[in-house]
N, C-alpha and C. Protein backbone atom coordinates (compact mmCIF):
# COMPACT_ATOMS: atom_id res chain seq x y z
N UNK A 1 -4.44 6.96 5.36
CA UNK A 1 -3.96 6.27 6.52
C UNK A 1 -2.34 6.50 6.64
N UNK A 2 -1.54 6.31 5.70
CA UNK A 2 -0.44 6.35 5.71
C UNK A 2 0.27 7.96 5.36
N UNK A 3 -0.88 8.78 4.95
CA UNK A 3 -0.54 9.89 4.82
C UNK A 3 -0.58 11.02 6.11
N UNK A 4 -0.91 10.61 7.10
CA UNK A 4 -0.97 11.08 8.22
C UNK A 4 0.40 10.89 8.98
N UNK A 5 1.12 9.80 8.56
CA UNK A 5 2.35 9.21 9.26
C UNK A 5 3.62 10.04 8.53
N UNK A 6 3.45 10.91 7.42
CA UNK A 6 4.44 11.69 6.76
C UNK A 6 4.88 12.79 7.66
N UNK A 7 6.22 13.38 7.22
CA UNK A 7 6.79 14.36 8.05
C UNK A 7 6.19 15.85 7.44
N UNK A 8 5.61 15.89 6.24
CA UNK A 8 5.06 17.18 5.80
C UNK A 8 4.44 17.98 6.85
N UNK A 9 4.47 19.18 6.68
CA UNK A 9 3.78 19.93 7.88
C UNK A 9 2.14 19.95 7.61
N UNK A 10 1.76 20.21 6.56
CA UNK A 10 0.09 20.46 6.11
C UNK A 10 -0.21 19.25 5.81
N UNK A 11 -1.69 18.85 5.99
CA UNK A 11 -2.32 17.50 5.31
C UNK A 11 -2.25 17.59 3.92
N UNK A 12 -2.55 18.92 3.43
CA UNK A 12 -2.68 18.94 1.82
C UNK A 12 -0.98 18.60 1.36
N UNK A 13 0.16 19.23 1.91
CA UNK A 13 1.34 18.55 1.68
C UNK A 13 1.50 17.03 1.73
N UNK A 14 1.00 16.45 2.96
CA UNK A 14 1.25 15.15 3.23
C UNK A 14 0.45 14.35 1.98
N UNK A 15 -0.66 14.50 1.65
CA UNK A 15 -1.50 13.98 0.54
C UNK A 15 -0.83 13.95 -0.78
N UNK A 16 -0.43 15.24 -0.97
CA UNK A 16 0.48 15.46 -2.20
C UNK A 16 1.80 14.42 -2.49
N UNK A 17 2.48 14.54 -1.21
CA UNK A 17 3.82 13.68 -1.02
C UNK A 17 3.18 12.00 -1.35
N UNK A 18 2.16 11.80 -0.45
CA UNK A 18 1.65 10.27 -0.68
C UNK A 18 1.15 9.95 -2.29
N UNK A 19 0.62 10.94 -2.81
CA UNK A 19 0.18 10.79 -4.38
C UNK A 19 1.45 10.91 -5.14
N UNK A 20 2.49 11.59 -4.97
CA UNK A 20 3.62 11.34 -5.75
C UNK A 20 4.47 10.05 -5.45
N UNK A 21 4.27 9.54 -4.17
CA UNK A 21 5.03 8.43 -3.71
C UNK A 21 4.08 7.18 -4.84
N UNK A 22 2.95 7.24 -4.54
CA UNK A 22 2.28 6.38 -5.33
C UNK A 22 2.40 6.25 -6.88
N UNK A 23 2.69 7.24 -7.34
CA UNK A 23 3.04 7.47 -8.83
C UNK A 23 4.39 6.98 -9.14
N UNK A 24 5.31 6.97 -8.52
CA UNK A 24 6.78 6.82 -8.42
C UNK A 24 6.90 5.07 -7.95
N UNK A 25 5.65 4.81 -7.51
CA UNK A 25 5.45 3.01 -6.96
C UNK A 25 6.53 2.85 -5.80
N UNK A 26 6.36 3.64 -4.82
CA UNK A 26 7.29 3.73 -3.51
C UNK A 26 6.19 4.25 -2.69
N UNK A 27 6.75 4.14 -1.34
CA UNK A 27 5.88 4.56 -0.22
C UNK A 27 5.37 3.44 0.73
N UNK A 28 4.91 3.78 1.71
CA UNK A 28 4.04 2.85 2.49
C UNK A 28 2.71 2.16 1.85
N UNK A 29 2.08 3.13 1.36
CA UNK A 29 0.58 2.49 0.68
C UNK A 29 1.01 1.50 -0.60
N UNK A 30 2.21 1.87 -1.29
CA UNK A 30 2.33 1.02 -2.26
C UNK A 30 3.08 -0.12 -1.87
N UNK A 31 3.52 -0.16 -0.62
CA UNK A 31 4.26 -1.69 -0.19
C UNK A 31 2.97 -2.41 0.25
N UNK A 32 2.22 -1.72 1.20
CA UNK A 32 0.99 -2.46 1.55
C UNK A 32 0.30 -2.99 0.47
N UNK A 33 -0.28 -2.51 -0.58
CA UNK A 33 -0.81 -3.03 -1.87
C UNK A 33 -0.02 -4.27 -2.53
N UNK A 34 1.43 -4.05 -2.39
CA UNK A 34 2.19 -5.08 -2.89
C UNK A 34 2.25 -6.44 -1.96
N UNK A 35 2.17 -6.14 -0.81
CA UNK A 35 2.21 -7.27 0.25
C UNK A 35 0.82 -7.95 0.19
N UNK A 36 -0.36 -7.02 -0.23
CA UNK A 36 -1.60 -7.71 0.01
C UNK A 36 -1.47 -8.71 -1.34
N UNK A 37 -1.25 -8.29 -2.36
CA UNK A 37 -1.22 -9.07 -3.66
C UNK A 37 -0.17 -10.10 -3.65
N UNK A 38 0.76 -10.15 -3.00
CA UNK A 38 1.71 -11.25 -2.77
C UNK A 38 0.91 -12.41 -2.06
N UNK A 39 0.17 -11.78 -1.03
CA UNK A 39 -0.44 -13.04 -0.14
C UNK A 39 -1.50 -13.53 -0.89
N UNK A 40 -2.30 -12.61 -1.65
CA UNK A 40 -3.18 -13.28 -2.35
C UNK A 40 -2.63 -14.28 -3.32
N UNK A 41 -1.62 -13.96 -4.16
CA UNK A 41 -0.99 -15.24 -5.11
C UNK A 41 -0.57 -16.37 -4.16
N UNK A 42 -0.02 -16.08 -2.99
CA UNK A 42 0.29 -17.46 -2.17
C UNK A 42 -0.93 -18.18 -1.88
N UNK A 43 -2.06 -17.48 -1.52
CA UNK A 43 -3.10 -18.31 -0.90
C UNK A 43 -3.90 -18.79 -2.18
N UNK A 44 -3.43 -18.78 -3.43
CA UNK A 44 -4.34 -18.90 -4.65
C UNK A 44 -4.26 -20.63 -4.67
N UNK A 45 -3.04 -21.32 -4.33
CA UNK A 45 -2.73 -22.46 -4.24
C UNK A 45 -3.62 -23.35 -3.40
N UNK A 46 -4.22 -22.75 -2.23
CA UNK A 46 -5.04 -23.50 -1.45
C UNK A 46 -6.55 -23.25 -1.52
N UNK A 47 -6.93 -22.52 -2.72
CA UNK A 47 -8.34 -22.19 -3.10
C UNK A 47 -9.17 -23.26 -2.93
N UNK A 48 -8.72 -24.36 -3.48
CA UNK A 48 -9.71 -25.47 -4.05
C UNK A 48 -9.75 -26.41 -2.92
N UNK A 49 -9.23 -26.30 -1.78
CA UNK A 49 -9.58 -27.10 -0.54
C UNK A 49 -10.78 -26.54 0.02
N UNK A 50 -11.65 -27.49 0.57
CA UNK A 50 -12.79 -27.13 1.38
C UNK A 50 -12.67 -27.52 2.84
N UNK A 51 -12.95 -26.82 3.60
CA UNK A 51 -12.92 -27.18 5.29
C UNK A 51 -14.27 -27.26 5.72
């Protein structure tokens, strides 16, 4: 998903750049993962409520 938005010329270059960014813990995919985990931790406080 995020590899398509990169500025490298070929898809293999984009994918390699995305893998390297994930290894370095940076880039859009890593940021999205961190945001998802942050939201999950924030919602743990409300998990005992029943609606």
